[in-house]
Amino acid sequence: YALLVPKGTFSSCSESEVKKNVLSPSSAPSLPSPPPPLPNISREETIKIVVENAEKNAVFVSTTGYTSRELFEIREAQKHSHNQDFLMIGGMGHASSVALGIALAQPSRPVYVLDGDGAL
């Protein structure tokens, strides 16, 4: 699964609103019906969409296994350099930490971390 949330999707609310809704959920406004389910999308299709929409100077950090293999193949097919790819082959569970380090060291560059459910 992929969860991509565009900036501005969620509105801000005050601390008192959060406390009111958490402490007395009956007073919380009713939520709208959920949207219809989206069609299934594969991991590889998701990675391709992320790569195609990423900034030119973006850094990619990917988890071990198929995710790194697919990222490599997609970037290769699109004639992208692998200079900004950090493929965590054999490093399960470390992709988010590596991505955080890169983001802190190079705050002007977007960093995308492609990780799996086993790392959470």
C-alpha atoms as a PDB file:
ATOM      1  CA  TYR A   1       0.000   0.000   0.000  1.00  0.00           C
ATOM      2  CA  ALA A   2       1.029   3.602  -0.561  1.00  0.00           C
ATOM      3  CA  LEU A   3      -0.307   6.612   1.262  1.00  0.00           C
ATOM      4  CA  LEU A   4       0.503   9.857  -0.534  1.00  0.00           C
ATOM      5  CA  VAL A   5      -1.030  12.929   1.069  1.00  0.00           C
ATOM      6  CA  PRO A   6      -0.664  16.252  -0.760  1.00  0.00           C
ATOM      7  CA  LYS A   7       0.197  19.330   1.266  1.00  0.00           C
ATOM      8  CA  GLY A   8      -2.940  21.162   2.400  1.00  0.00           C
ATOM      9  CA  THR A   9      -5.100  18.012   2.548  1.00  0.00           C
ATOM     10  CA  PHE A  10      -5.729  18.360   6.268  1.00  0.00           C
ATOM     11  CA  SER A  11      -7.035  21.539   7.814  1.00  0.00           C
ATOM     12  CA  SER A  12      -5.560  22.848  11.018  1.00  0.00           C
ATOM     13  CA  CYS A  13      -7.461  22.846  14.282  1.00  0.00           C
ATOM     14  CA  SER A  14      -6.839  24.230  17.730  1.00  0.00           C
ATOM     15  CA  GLU A  15      -5.710  22.206  20.714  1.00  0.00           C
ATOM     16  CA  SER A  16      -9.091  22.791  22.376  1.00  0.00           C
ATOM     17  CA  GLU A  17     -10.883  21.295  19.355  1.00  0.00           C
ATOM     18  CA  VAL A  18      -8.666  18.214  19.515  1.00  0.00           C
ATOM     19  CA  LYS A  19      -9.281  17.793  23.262  1.00  0.00           C
ATOM     20  CA  LYS A  20     -13.011  18.306  22.822  1.00  0.00           C
ATOM     21  CA  ASN A  21     -13.282  15.740  20.032  1.00  0.00           C
ATOM     22  CA  VAL A  22     -10.975  13.196  21.663  1.00  0.00           C
ATOM     23  CA  LEU A  23     -12.427  13.504  25.166  1.00  0.00           C
ATOM     24  CA  SER A  24     -16.046  13.647  24.055  1.00  0.00           C
ATOM     25  CA  PRO A  25     -16.299  11.920  20.672  1.00  0.00           C
ATOM     26  CA  SER A  26     -20.100  12.151  20.703  1.00  0.00           C
ATOM     27  CA  SER A  27     -19.765  15.900  20.186  1.00  0.00           C
ATOM     28  CA  ALA A  28     -17.449  15.460  17.210  1.00  0.00           C
ATOM     29  CA  PRO A  29     -18.966  16.264  13.839  1.00  0.00           C
ATOM     30  CA  SER A  30     -20.025  13.269  11.786  1.00  0.00           C
ATOM     31  CA  LEU A  31     -17.619  12.248   9.079  1.00  0.00           C
ATOM     32  CA  PRO A  32     -18.588  12.057   5.421  1.00  0.00           C
ATOM     33  CA  SER A  33     -18.922   8.679   3.758  1.00  0.00           C
ATOM     34  CA  PRO A  34     -15.624   7.258   2.561  1.00  0.00           C
ATOM     35  CA  PRO A  35     -14.886   7.486  -1.153  1.00  0.00           C
ATOM     36  CA  PRO A  36     -15.290   4.368  -3.281  1.00  0.00           C
ATOM     37  CA  PRO A  37     -12.302   2.020  -3.207  1.00  0.00           C
ATOM     38  CA  LEU A  38      -9.513   2.729  -5.663  1.00  0.00           C
ATOM     39  CA  PRO A  39      -8.351   0.082  -8.108  1.00  0.00           C
ATOM     40  CA  ASN A  40      -5.496  -2.097  -6.917  1.00  0.00           C
ATOM     41  CA  ILE A  41      -2.071  -0.808  -7.863  1.00  0.00           C
ATOM     42  CA  SER A  42       1.125  -2.813  -7.688  1.00  0.00           C
ATOM     43  CA  ARG A  43       4.229  -1.853  -5.764  1.00  0.00           C
ATOM     44  CA  GLU A  44       6.113  -1.410  -9.045  1.00  0.00           C
ATOM     45  CA  GLU A  45       3.409   0.874 -10.493  1.00  0.00           C
ATOM     46  CA  THR A  46       3.458   2.933  -7.292  1.00  0.00           C
ATOM     47  CA  ILE A  47       7.246   3.324  -7.414  1.00  0.00           C
ATOM     48  CA  LYS A  48       7.046   4.328 -11.078  1.00  0.00           C
ATOM     49  CA  ILE A  49       4.480   7.044 -10.294  1.00  0.00           C
ATOM     50  CA  VAL A  50       6.608   8.392  -7.435  1.00  0.00           C
ATOM     51  CA  VAL A  51       9.759   8.451  -9.601  1.00  0.00           C
ATOM     52  CA  GLU A  52       7.960  10.119 -12.521  1.00  0.00           C
ATOM     53  CA  ASN A  53       6.635  12.877 -10.265  1.00  0.00           C
ATOM     54  CA  ALA A  54       9.730  13.470  -8.154  1.00  0.00           C
ATOM     55  CA  GLU A  55      11.922  16.527  -8.458  1.00  0.00           C
ATOM     56  CA  LYS A  56      15.054  16.202 -10.615  1.00  0.00           C
ATOM     57  CA  ASN A  57      17.375  16.561  -7.609  1.00  0.00           C
ATOM     58  CA  ALA A  58      15.424  14.122  -5.410  1.00  0.00           C
ATOM     59  CA  VAL A  59      17.223  11.432  -3.444  1.00  0.00           C
ATOM     60  CA  PHE A  60      15.673   7.965  -3.252  1.00  0.00           C
ATOM     61  CA  VAL A  61      16.267   5.603  -0.347  1.00  0.00           C
ATOM     62  CA  SER A  62      14.674   2.184  -0.736  1.00  0.00           C
ATOM     63  CA  THR A  63      14.327  -0.840   1.476  1.00  0.00           C
ATOM     64  CA  THR A  64      15.860  -4.225   0.827  1.00  0.00           C
ATOM     65  CA  GLY A  65      14.266  -6.695  -1.571  1.00  0.00           C
ATOM     66  CA  TYR A  66      11.973  -6.113  -4.528  1.00  0.00           C
ATOM     67  CA  THR A  67      11.483  -2.430  -3.733  1.00  0.00           C
ATOM     68  CA  SER A  68      15.159  -1.639  -4.368  1.00  0.00           C
ATOM     69  CA  ARG A  69      15.293  -3.900  -7.422  1.00  0.00           C
ATOM     70  CA  GLU A  70      12.217  -2.285  -8.927  1.00  0.00           C
ATOM     71  CA  LEU A  71      13.436   1.234  -8.157  1.00  0.00           C
ATOM     72  CA  PHE A  72      16.752   0.417  -9.857  1.00  0.00           C
ATOM     73  CA  GLU A  73      15.018  -0.990 -12.959  1.00  0.00           C
ATOM     74  CA  ILE A  74      12.550   1.912 -13.219  1.00  0.00           C
ATOM     75  CA  ARG A  75      15.291   4.530 -12.886  1.00  0.00           C
ATOM     76  CA  GLU A  76      17.424   2.599 -15.393  1.00  0.00           C
ATOM     77  CA  ALA A  77      14.545   2.421 -17.915  1.00  0.00           C
ATOM     78  CA  GLN A  78      13.988   6.175 -17.556  1.00  0.00           C
ATOM     79  CA  LYS A  79      17.714   6.822 -18.135  1.00  0.00           C
ATOM     80  CA  HIS A  80      18.111   8.358 -14.666  1.00  0.00           C
ATOM     81  CA  SER A  81      21.431   8.397 -12.861  1.00  0.00           C
ATOM     82  CA  HIS A  82      21.788   6.162  -9.831  1.00  0.00           C
ATOM     83  CA  ASN A  83      24.024   8.741  -8.124  1.00  0.00           C
ATOM     84  CA  GLN A  84      21.156   9.854  -5.909  1.00  0.00           C
ATOM     85  CA  ASP A  85      19.806   6.383  -5.106  1.00  0.00           C
ATOM     86  CA  PHE A  86      20.579   4.646  -1.814  1.00  0.00           C
ATOM     87  CA  LEU A  87      19.417   1.053  -2.190  1.00  0.00           C
ATOM     88  CA  MET A  88      19.341  -0.644   1.212  1.00  0.00           C
ATOM     89  CA  ILE A  89      20.336  -4.105   0.000  1.00  0.00           C
ATOM     90  CA  GLY A  90      20.689  -6.208   3.132  1.00  0.00           C
ATOM     91  CA  GLY A  91      19.668  -3.334   5.395  1.00  0.00           C
ATOM     92  CA  MET A  92      16.071  -4.131   6.311  1.00  0.00           C
ATOM     93  CA  GLY A  93      14.569  -1.616   8.717  1.00  0.00           C
ATOM     94  CA  HIS A  94      17.172   1.091   8.176  1.00  0.00           C
ATOM     95  CA  ALA A  95      15.797   2.991   5.156  1.00  0.00           C
ATOM     96  CA  SER A  96      13.911   5.605   7.175  1.00  0.00           C
ATOM     97  CA  SER A  97      16.946   6.307   9.380  1.00  0.00           C
ATOM     98  CA  VAL A  98      19.230   6.704   6.365  1.00  0.00           C
ATOM     99  CA  ALA A  99      16.659   8.938   4.643  1.00  0.00           C
ATOM    100  CA  LEU A 100      16.364  11.101   7.759  1.00  0.00           C
ATOM    101  CA  GLY A 101      20.133  11.506   7.889  1.00  0.00           C
ATOM    102  CA  ILE A 102      20.251  12.563   4.238  1.00  0.00           C
ATOM    103  CA  ALA A 103      17.345  14.985   4.715  1.00  0.00           C
ATOM    104  CA  LEU A 104      19.028  16.587   7.732  1.00  0.00           C
ATOM    105  CA  ALA A 105      22.383  16.829   5.948  1.00  0.00           C
ATOM    106  CA  GLN A 106      20.898  18.222   2.722  1.00  0.00           C
ATOM    107  CA  PRO A 107      17.704  20.077   3.686  1.00  0.00           C
ATOM    108  CA  SER A 108      17.346  21.694   0.254  1.00  0.00           C
ATOM    109  CA  ARG A 109      16.965  18.325  -1.498  1.00  0.00           C
ATOM    110  CA  PRO A 110      13.758  16.305  -1.449  1.00  0.00           C
ATOM    111  CA  VAL A 111      14.252  12.805  -0.049  1.00  0.00           C
ATOM    112  CA  TYR A 112      11.889   9.942  -0.844  1.00  0.00           C
ATOM    113  CA  VAL A 113      12.024   6.811   1.277  1.00  0.00           C
ATOM    114  CA  LEU A 114      10.396   3.686  -0.137  1.00  0.00           C
ATOM    115  CA  ASP A 115       9.967   1.274   2.739  1.00  0.00           C
ATOM    116  CA  GLY A 116       7.846  -1.763   3.492  1.00  0.00           C
ATOM    117  CA  ASP A 117       5.494  -2.773   6.243  1.00  0.00           C
ATOM    118  CA  GLY A 118       8.170  -4.942   7.857  1.00  0.00           C
ATOM    119  CA  ALA A 119      10.114  -1.846   8.880  1.00  0.00           C
ATOM    120  CA  LEU A 120       7.286  -0.233  10.816  1.00  0.00           C
END
